[in-house]
């Protein structure tokens, strides 16, 4: 039989192997095996392997039959309580001493029911909360190195695994009202699946305290600080920002007068919108967006929802304190992070009934785009707000200003250790440290701005927490844990200080360390008035540290007053040597995707340029000596300018498009290095093709889609990347020299382009669009809506899509009525039910929020590929078009309807593009591949078919099969070039 140590070692060995082999699950907790419900329902934190808090009363609670007497026995204590009318009971165990001896906690009631929790320890418990970087698994971070060492030492019997455990609620997510009923699981030794930051924090505590450490993990990815704040945290606030958040919470509480007033207005607004939309629809125009609902019901991560669902069931479990790591979801909100930290901590302290509950929080780290410039970005001001929140009693900040990486940065050990320094110093001051001395003497803070004085052209800055002097150091990701390393004689490498003169112009400063101060001078600043440091972040740049190797916190002051974006008159901040364009020069004019840097436009025909703009905008275009202007008319949202035909030319040209609003410059876009030649549109499936790249010429260029999304519900003419999505891999033009030999698309474009250029001497642009999903590769997906009615076999798709493209005006009114009805039912039954029962329905992790019912829609994905991969090029000009037909075009009927259907597709594309009659080439399978194949007879204008007798994919690893595919495609290229350029 395995001992507890053996089980923990097995978990740890598995986690270490997963870390080393790279097949560990990322950021997702494996579903635990469900166990039957206990005879007595205990509060969420109480489960096998739990750690109880030492040296303070320990609340224990649960539910039994009303008026039942309940007894809890643990560590020689027996405490009793009576279940109330709702069945809930609560008692408190007397203060316990730390113990790593596994014991049982037994709960029994007067009805003869009994619940026994096994392997219970006593030590220190800390709650850990935040978003994904707090939730991020230890095995996917630098903590994996610690885990590996612990596993190796335990296996070699050189030490025991530390008794660090993590408890987390199961099966619950978020809620409009606080819930209490939930279950949890405590992990015992499976360190790789712990929160990385919390594990690093707990491991540091354990090394110094030598007691069991429990982590109560209440964290979740993509969540804001407001979502973890109990509604109690907003009460009593005097600032307008927090009062507005409180109002939203009250509007979401059906018991409040604010709720009735807000929702009566919403129901009226929704009805008005429906009637206006119905009238708009009758005119064939798109409807405006529906009004959004009031309150905190904008999704299940809104204000207080995460607290109500994931944290509330854990309250009031005895904890020593809490740690917090979060930021990305609030990075655009700036300085109000100060207000939010006050609300968060105030709320936690109220619900735990601990007015002095210690809370330690991280300052936002430096994502990979940090630099040594100076600005007042939202992220910079969020860091400033975090620093200022140190005014909260019994709370403090640990810096991450020198931590960098991606969204989920790898280095979690250093941030966790820095939080542990604050806890050791403040909660365990009498602890004797392994390195000597007492915890009370720990230096837990990095240097922080205190004051400055001006002496001539010098500024002398004093810092708090700089005892013993300052040093220059930096973090390097190549090091083991990215711990800061001192850089001797490197004062001149610190480029993060700035001084400002009387004209509010900031200059990069030179620094000299003078013990616990720094002396700054800046060329060009004879009478300095302001000083700043590291506002854009620090990352791995050489930085100032104290002797404890904790980093200096960024700051910015002018005339001895803190500078914020609200108080500083210049936006953006002016920096010597940095040419900051006015705001209108930093905005761009929307222009169709294909008109990006290095593009090729079609020679010999008129060229249309188009883009998105508000009504009333004046668009001015300049290109190749041509100047044109157009005004976006009332009710319109786009612009279009057509320039006369241009001859082929490899001479680079720049397109400039300016936008004016209300007679003032608003935005400008410049597209450099444009050449004029022949442009081809190529639609391809997933295919194989290998051949030597035949040119490195910079005037043979490829433009291919890169975003994951390749389809859309409705036509989108402006971009290949739909706004509002997280996928931001933009399509770009690439010259032949940058094409990849291992990409079939690159090779095809390179070979095709090279042979066209060899024949014509012109620049060549190849636009390649492809789908990534087999379901998108149907003929009906590639055809625009109005064309679907042109053949009987496509008519069912036309009828299926009609509600999407021609909605019934009455539908807006019906949807609004249904929405109001759903909300009223929600407020009458769902919300009161959760509030009263403090639980979700069986199997539910949250509550469903009503909303405006979706509009009637088609049941197929017809038109959706066309809506992005063709419509976004409408009305582009192409020399010709190639369609490599995929096998999926013929899967349903072996090609029986291919002839008429493909004729519609070809005509649809020709009419969508601007050319009068572009060449249209396509592949068609022989009867061995598609026995019922029919030939397209209705393609208008120039077209040519190329028969294939092998699908365009080869068997994996079969070189002969690949040779057949390659030869087919090379013959196709020659056919197209010879036919199009007779």
Foldseek 3Di string as FASTA:
>chain_A
DDDLLRVLLVLLVVLLVCLVVVPDDWLDDDDDDDDDQAPWAWFAQDAALEEAEADAKFKTKGFDAAQKKKWKDDPHDIDIWGQHNLRITMDIDGGHDWDQDKDKIKMAIPVGGIDIHTGYTYYAEAEEEAARLQQTFQSQFLVSVVSVVQSVCVVVVNDTDAFEKEKFWPLFAWELAAFAHTHIDIDGNSRRNHRNLQVLLQVLVCQQVVGHYYYYYQYYHPADLQQQFALQLLPPDDDPVSVVLNLLSQLSALVHPSVVVQVVVLLVQLLVQLQVQLVCLVVVHHGDDGDDGGHQVPDQRGGNTSNRITPSSVPPGDHQAYEYEYDPNCLQVFQCLLVSVSSRVSRVCVRNVNQLHAYEYEQDEAEPVFDLDDWFGRSLRNSVSQQVNCVRHNYYYAYRLQAYYHPNGRQSNVSSVLSSLSCQLPVVQQGAGPVGDGSVPGLNAKWEWDFWDDDFQKIKTATPSQPQFKFKWFFDPVDSNSQTDTDPPCQQQFFNKWWAAPVQEIFTWRWDTDGRMIMIGGPPHRDTFKMWGQSRGQHGGTAMTHPVSGGYRTFIDGNGHGDHPVPDPDVTRHYPPDDDDPQQAVAAFFKFQQQAAQHEAEADAKFKIKGFADAQKKKWKDKPNDIDIDGRHPPGTMDMDIDGGHHFDQPKIKIKMWIDHPNHTHHIDIHTGYTYHAEEEEEEEPFDAADDQDDQDQLQKEWEADFQDQWDLAADAGALDDPPDPGDPGTDIGGLNPFDRRDRVSSLSRVLQVVLCVVPVGRYYYYYYYHDDLQCQALQQQFAQVLQCVDPVSVVVNVLACCVSSNNSVQSSVQSVVQSVVVVVCSVPVVVVCNVNSDDPPSHNYDDDGDRDDGRGGPGNGNTSNSNSQNNCFAGDHQAYEYERALSHCVPPLAQCVQCSVLSSLQRSCVRYNDPAHAYEYEDEDCVSRVNHDHHDNRPHHYDYQYADAGRYADPPDVVRNVSNNVSSVVVSVVCSVVSPD
